[in-house]
Protein backbone atom coordinates (compact mmCIF):
# COMPACT_ATOMS: atom_id res chain seq x y z
CA MET A 1 24.52 2.51 18.70
CA SER A 2 25.72 0.38 21.60
CA LEU A 3 29.35 -0.76 21.31
CA GLN A 4 28.44 -4.09 22.92
CA GLN A 5 26.96 -6.64 20.54
CA ILE A 6 25.84 -10.25 20.63
CA THR A 7 26.03 -12.79 17.84
CA ARG A 8 22.99 -14.92 17.13
CA LEU A 9 21.79 -17.96 15.23
CA CYS A 10 19.01 -17.74 12.67
CA PRO A 11 15.84 -16.64 14.52
CA VAL A 12 13.68 -18.94 12.37
CA CYS A 13 15.52 -22.26 11.98
CA GLY A 14 18.19 -21.84 14.68
CA LYS A 15 21.11 -22.64 12.38
CA GLY A 16 24.28 -20.64 11.91
CA GLN A 17 24.73 -21.03 8.17
CA GLU A 18 24.72 -17.41 7.10
CA THR A 19 25.97 -15.33 4.24
CA SER A 20 26.20 -11.54 3.94
CA TYR A 21 23.07 -9.87 2.57
CA LEU A 22 23.37 -6.10 3.07
CA THR A 23 25.35 -3.58 5.10
CA LYS A 24 24.37 -0.09 6.21
CA ALA A 25 26.86 1.84 8.35
CA ASP A 26 27.52 -0.49 11.31
CA LEU A 27 24.46 -2.61 10.59
CA ARG A 28 25.07 -6.03 9.04
CA LEU A 29 22.22 -8.06 7.57
CA VAL A 30 22.78 -11.73 6.76
CA ARG A 31 20.73 -14.39 5.00
CA CYS A 32 20.39 -17.91 6.39
CA ARG A 33 21.51 -20.45 3.80
CA ALA A 34 19.23 -23.08 5.35
CA CYS A 35 15.88 -21.22 5.42
CA SER A 36 16.50 -17.87 3.62
CA MET A 37 15.66 -15.74 6.67
CA VAL A 38 17.30 -12.28 6.63
CA TYR A 39 18.33 -10.92 10.02
CA VAL A 40 20.81 -8.64 11.78
CA ASN A 41 23.96 -10.28 13.13
CA PRO A 42 25.52 -9.23 15.44
CA VAL A 43 22.88 -7.32 17.43
CA PRO A 44 23.57 -4.35 19.75
CA THR A 45 22.75 -5.43 23.30
CA GLU A 46 20.36 -2.53 23.93
CA PHE A 47 18.06 -3.86 21.19
CA ALA A 48 18.47 -7.53 22.09
CA SER A 49 17.53 -6.86 25.72
CA GLY A 50 14.76 -4.31 25.09
CA GLU A 51 16.66 -1.68 27.07
CA TYR A 52 16.42 0.75 24.15
CA TYR A 53 12.62 0.78 24.28
CA ASP A 54 12.54 1.22 28.04
CA GLN A 55 14.94 4.16 27.96
CA THR A 56 16.19 5.91 24.80
CA GLY A 57 13.25 4.96 22.58
CA GLY A 58 10.77 6.83 24.74
CA ASP A 59 11.87 10.12 23.17
CA TYR A 60 10.27 8.91 19.93
CA TYR A 61 7.39 6.70 21.04
CA LEU A 62 6.13 9.29 23.53
CA SER A 63 6.81 12.39 21.45
CA PRO A 64 3.73 14.63 20.98
CA ALA A 65 3.68 14.10 17.20
CA LYS A 66 3.87 10.30 17.53
CA LEU A 67 1.19 10.13 20.22
CA GLU A 68 -1.13 12.46 18.33
CA SER A 69 -0.81 10.26 15.24
CA ASP A 70 -1.11 6.96 17.09
CA TYR A 71 -4.30 8.07 18.82
CA ALA A 72 -5.89 9.47 15.65
CA GLU A 73 -8.90 7.41 14.55
CA VAL A 74 -7.39 6.66 11.14
CA ARG A 75 -4.12 5.29 12.54
CA PHE A 76 -5.14 1.65 13.02
CA GLU A 77 -7.99 1.47 10.53
CA ARG A 78 -6.51 -1.49 8.60
CA GLU A 79 -5.61 -3.41 11.75
CA LEU A 80 -9.03 -2.80 13.31
CA ARG A 81 -10.82 -3.88 10.14
CA LEU A 82 -8.78 -7.09 9.94
CA PHE A 83 -9.17 -7.79 13.63
CA ARG A 84 -12.96 -7.28 13.66
CA GLN A 85 -13.34 -9.48 10.59
CA HIS A 86 -11.82 -12.47 12.37
CA CYS A 87 -12.40 -11.76 16.07
CA PRO A 88 -15.76 -10.05 16.74
CA LYS A 89 -15.49 -10.54 20.53
CA GLY A 90 -13.36 -12.08 23.28
CA SER A 91 -10.28 -11.51 25.44
CA VAL A 92 -7.40 -9.73 23.69
CA LEU A 93 -3.70 -9.39 24.57
CA ASP A 94 -1.74 -6.81 22.56
CA VAL A 95 1.97 -7.70 22.82
CA GLY A 96 4.27 -4.74 22.24
CA CYS A 97 1.32 -2.42 22.81
CA SER A 98 3.60 0.64 23.26
CA SER A 99 1.46 3.63 24.27
CA GLY A 100 -1.73 1.56 24.01
CA ALA A 101 -3.28 3.24 20.97
CA PHE A 102 -4.59 0.09 19.24
CA LEU A 103 -6.32 -1.15 22.39
CA PHE A 104 -7.60 2.34 23.08
CA GLN A 105 -9.29 2.49 19.65
CA LEU A 106 -10.61 -1.06 19.96
CA GLY A 107 -12.09 -0.27 23.36
CA LYS A 108 -13.48 3.09 22.28
CA ARG A 109 -15.32 1.64 19.30
CA PHE A 110 -16.23 -1.86 20.46
CA GLY A 111 -15.51 -1.87 24.20
CA SER A 112 -18.43 -4.09 25.22
CA ASP A 113 -17.19 -6.85 22.89
CA TYR A 114 -13.71 -7.26 24.35
CA ASP A 115 -11.68 -7.81 27.50
CA LEU A 116 -8.47 -5.86 26.80
CA LEU A 117 -4.89 -6.15 28.07
CA GLY A 118 -1.56 -4.82 26.79
CA THR A 119 2.08 -5.57 27.54
CA ASP A 120 5.42 -4.11 26.43
CA ALA A 121 9.10 -3.82 27.30
CA SER A 122 8.81 -0.04 27.69
CA GLY A 123 7.78 1.12 31.15
CA PRO A 124 7.19 4.78 30.14
CA ALA A 125 4.97 3.74 27.21
CA LEU A 126 2.91 1.49 29.47
CA ALA A 127 2.53 4.31 31.98
CA TYR A 128 1.11 6.48 29.21
CA ALA A 129 -1.25 3.69 28.11
CA GLU A 130 -2.54 3.44 31.67
CA SER A 131 -3.10 7.20 31.74
CA ARG A 132 -5.44 6.72 28.76
CA GLY A 133 -7.37 3.98 30.53
CA VAL A 134 -5.71 1.01 28.80
CA PRO A 135 -5.08 -1.94 31.18
CA VAL A 136 -1.48 -3.22 30.97
CA VAL A 137 0.96 -5.60 32.62
CA ARG A 138 4.74 -5.26 32.76
CA GLY A 139 7.42 -7.89 32.29
CA ASP A 140 9.31 -10.04 29.80
CA PHE A 141 6.51 -11.54 27.70
CA PRO A 142 7.97 -15.04 27.12
CA LYS A 143 8.49 -15.41 30.88
CA ARG A 144 5.48 -13.42 32.10
CA ASP A 145 3.06 -15.29 34.38
CA PHE A 146 -0.54 -14.51 33.42
CA ALA A 147 -1.92 -16.54 36.35
CA GLY A 148 -3.55 -19.15 34.14
CA LYS A 149 -5.43 -16.62 32.01
CA GLN A 150 -5.98 -17.56 28.38
CA PHE A 151 -6.92 -15.32 25.46
CA ASP A 152 -9.08 -15.51 22.39
CA ALA A 153 -6.68 -13.32 20.40
CA ILE A 154 -3.09 -12.12 20.71
CA THR A 155 -1.72 -9.36 18.48
CA PHE A 156 1.81 -8.53 17.34
CA TRP A 157 1.43 -5.26 15.42
CA ALA A 158 4.92 -4.30 14.14
CA VAL A 159 6.64 -6.25 16.92
CA LEU A 160 8.33 -9.45 15.66
CA GLU A 161 10.84 -7.48 13.57
CA HIS A 162 12.19 -5.88 16.77
CA LEU A 163 12.85 -9.11 18.69
CA HIS A 164 16.11 -10.94 19.30
CA ASN A 165 14.17 -14.19 19.66
CA PRO A 166 10.79 -13.92 17.88
CA LYS A 167 10.21 -17.67 18.11
CA ALA A 168 10.03 -17.46 21.90
CA PHE A 169 7.26 -14.85 21.58
CA VAL A 170 5.34 -16.97 19.07
CA GLU A 171 5.64 -20.02 21.34
CA ARG A 172 4.42 -18.06 24.35
CA ALA A 173 1.49 -16.67 22.38
CA TRP A 174 0.53 -20.21 21.37
CA SER A 175 0.60 -21.33 25.02
CA LEU A 176 -1.62 -18.43 26.13
CA LEU A 177 -4.29 -18.84 23.47
CA ARG A 178 -7.43 -20.85 24.01
CA PRO A 179 -7.96 -23.82 21.64
CA GLY A 180 -8.60 -22.35 18.20
CA GLY A 181 -7.46 -18.89 19.37
CA LEU A 182 -6.13 -16.34 16.90
CA CYS A 183 -2.77 -14.63 16.54
CA PHE A 184 -2.51 -11.45 14.43
CA VAL A 185 0.90 -10.50 13.01
CA LEU A 186 2.04 -7.42 11.10
CA VAL A 187 5.69 -7.12 9.98
CA PRO A 188 7.61 -5.12 7.35
CA ASN A 189 7.82 -6.85 3.99
CA LEU A 190 11.34 -7.77 2.85
CA GLN A 191 10.06 -7.98 -0.73
CA SER A 192 8.21 -4.64 -0.75
CA LEU A 193 8.48 -2.18 -3.60
CA ALA A 194 10.15 0.29 -1.22
CA LEU A 195 12.96 -2.13 -0.34
CA ARG A 196 13.38 -3.23 -3.95
CA ILE A 197 13.85 0.39 -5.03
CA LEU A 198 15.81 1.71 -2.06
CA GLY A 199 17.79 -1.20 -0.62
CA ALA A 200 20.01 0.11 2.17
CA ARG A 201 18.63 3.63 1.61
CA TYR A 202 15.30 2.58 3.12
CA ARG A 203 14.81 4.18 6.53
CA TYR A 204 13.40 0.98 8.01
CA VAL A 205 16.66 -0.83 7.44
CA TYR A 206 17.89 0.39 10.81
CA PRO A 207 19.15 -0.93 14.17
CA GLN A 208 15.70 -1.32 15.79
CA HIS A 209 14.71 -3.86 13.14
CA LEU A 210 16.50 -7.13 13.83
CA ASN A 211 14.45 -9.39 11.53
CA TYR A 212 13.39 -8.94 7.88
CA PHE A 213 10.57 -11.29 6.92
CA SER A 214 9.31 -12.48 3.56
CA LYS A 215 6.09 -14.50 3.34
CA HIS A 216 8.20 -17.65 3.14
CA THR A 217 10.21 -16.99 6.30
CA LEU A 218 7.30 -15.63 8.34
CA LEU A 219 5.28 -18.75 7.64
CA GLN A 220 8.26 -20.92 8.58
CA LEU A 221 8.44 -19.13 11.92
CA VAL A 222 4.82 -19.92 12.83
CA ASP A 223 4.21 -23.18 10.94
CA GLN A 224 4.68 -25.60 13.84
CA ARG A 225 2.14 -23.88 16.08
CA PHE A 226 -0.36 -22.15 13.81
CA THR A 227 -2.48 -22.54 10.70
CA VAL A 228 -2.68 -19.51 8.41
CA ILE A 229 -6.28 -18.41 7.77
CA ASP A 230 -5.58 -15.02 6.15
CA PHE A 231 -2.46 -13.52 4.61
CA HIS A 232 -1.92 -10.37 2.58
CA SER A 233 0.37 -7.42 1.92
CA THR A 234 -0.74 -3.99 3.09
CA HIS A 235 0.24 -0.31 3.62
CA PHE A 236 2.16 1.87 1.20
CA ASN A 237 3.84 5.24 1.70
CA PRO A 238 5.24 6.79 -1.51
CA ILE A 239 6.46 9.85 0.43
CA ILE A 240 8.99 7.66 2.24
CA ILE A 241 10.33 6.29 -1.06
CA TRP A 242 10.80 9.83 -2.38
CA GLN A 243 12.40 11.16 0.82
CA ASP A 244 14.73 8.19 1.31
CA TRP A 245 15.87 8.26 -2.31
CA ARG A 246 16.83 11.92 -1.91
CA ARG A 247 18.57 11.28 1.42
CA ALA A 248 20.68 8.54 -0.19
CA GLY A 249 20.62 6.43 2.96
CA ALA A 250 21.34 9.17 5.49
CA GLU A 251 19.91 8.46 8.94
CA VAL A 252 16.38 9.75 9.49
CA PRO A 253 16.11 11.39 12.94
CA ASN A 254 13.23 10.28 15.15
CA THR A 255 11.85 13.82 15.04
CA ASP A 256 11.54 13.53 11.25
CA ARG A 257 9.90 10.10 11.52
CA ALA A 258 7.30 11.46 13.93
CA ALA A 259 6.72 14.57 11.81
CA LEU A 260 6.07 12.45 8.69
CA LEU A 261 3.68 10.20 10.60
CA LYS A 262 1.79 13.28 11.78
CA ARG A 263 1.66 14.67 8.25
CA THR A 264 0.42 11.46 6.62
CA THR A 265 -2.19 11.10 9.37
CA ALA A 266 -3.42 14.61 8.54
CA TYR A 267 -3.61 13.67 4.85
CA LYS A 268 -5.81 10.69 5.70
CA GLN A 269 -8.14 12.89 7.73
CA SER A 270 -8.49 15.68 5.17
CA PRO A 271 -11.80 15.68 3.21
CA TRP A 272 -10.12 17.76 0.48
CA LEU A 273 -7.84 14.88 -0.45
CA LYS A 274 -10.56 12.32 -1.10
CA PRO A 275 -9.71 11.93 -4.85
CA VAL A 276 -6.04 11.45 -3.96
CA LYS A 277 -6.97 8.93 -1.28
CA THR A 278 -9.02 6.96 -3.78
CA ALA A 279 -6.05 6.76 -6.17
CA TYR A 280 -3.81 5.82 -3.24
CA GLN A 281 -6.15 3.01 -2.17
CA ILE A 282 -6.20 1.60 -5.69
CA THR A 283 -2.39 1.68 -5.80
CA GLU A 284 -2.09 0.04 -2.40
CA LYS A 285 -4.55 -2.69 -3.41
CA LEU A 286 -2.59 -3.38 -6.60
CA LEU A 287 0.73 -3.56 -4.75
CA GLY A 288 -0.88 -5.76 -2.12
CA SER A 289 -2.09 -8.19 -4.78
CA LEU A 290 1.50 -8.45 -6.03
CA ARG A 291 2.78 -8.74 -2.44
CA LEU A 292 4.81 -5.54 -2.91
CA ALA A 293 3.18 -3.34 -0.24
CA ASP A 294 5.18 -2.21 2.78
CA ASN A 295 3.93 -4.80 5.29
CA LEU A 296 2.84 -8.41 5.58
CA ALA A 297 -0.27 -9.17 7.63
CA ALA A 298 -1.16 -12.68 8.79
CA VAL A 299 -4.04 -14.10 10.79
CA LEU A 300 -3.11 -17.40 12.44
CA ARG A 301 -5.19 -20.02 14.22
CA LYS A 302 -3.74 -22.10 17.04
CA LYS A 303 -3.23 -25.72 16.08
């Protein structure tokens, strides 16, 4: 982890009234006394600036196992289903598109319905996206000039938790959307079963995640600019709970993260595991109804 760190105010309400929430090695999570948001403070500069994703992070995001899993047809099945339900056609900007896999799948399946564009802080990931035929632009999203272009939909799939200033990204998305345009958000769930069981042992309590949203704090972040039209809890990986409990909070190397993603992707694709998948889907649906699944998914309409 970088030795240089920056202190921050609450990323949701902007106040500095914090109290300690959880510690894990050098990582310090605090809770805002004003709005209940949980966030990392202080933040290593490489994560606050995005430098990590442009340099060190490429070893993970562009690893063969990660790319193979990201580009598998089952990888974004939930996101694609949610997106198609609410946005059957139009211009789409995927913010934090990484290697471009979501846009690739959207274009492959429904290309004639959409005008696609991706953006990210990681130059190497964008280069890979381009190599797969995904159109991208580079630059700092809140400051990026899109030459007057507006979009029907903007997506933040597992992005807002990584940002030093998520509100600036939400504001910029609002300004780039056409009247009535949609914003899709997916973030880890602070109140998930995994976090309730594991606490600091959970592998996703780690330096890359700067913000830890509950439904309450996520809606506070977007309330001034958007109306919520769909909200639910989704995804569940029991293997992670088992592995992280056994590791007792030990750091999970990126190679292990990629290997598990590859393995779970293979499970989803295997016809022999259909009975297991059915039981899994029932469990995920139950946890989602209780808002205990791993992630929170929101569909927002521009006010």
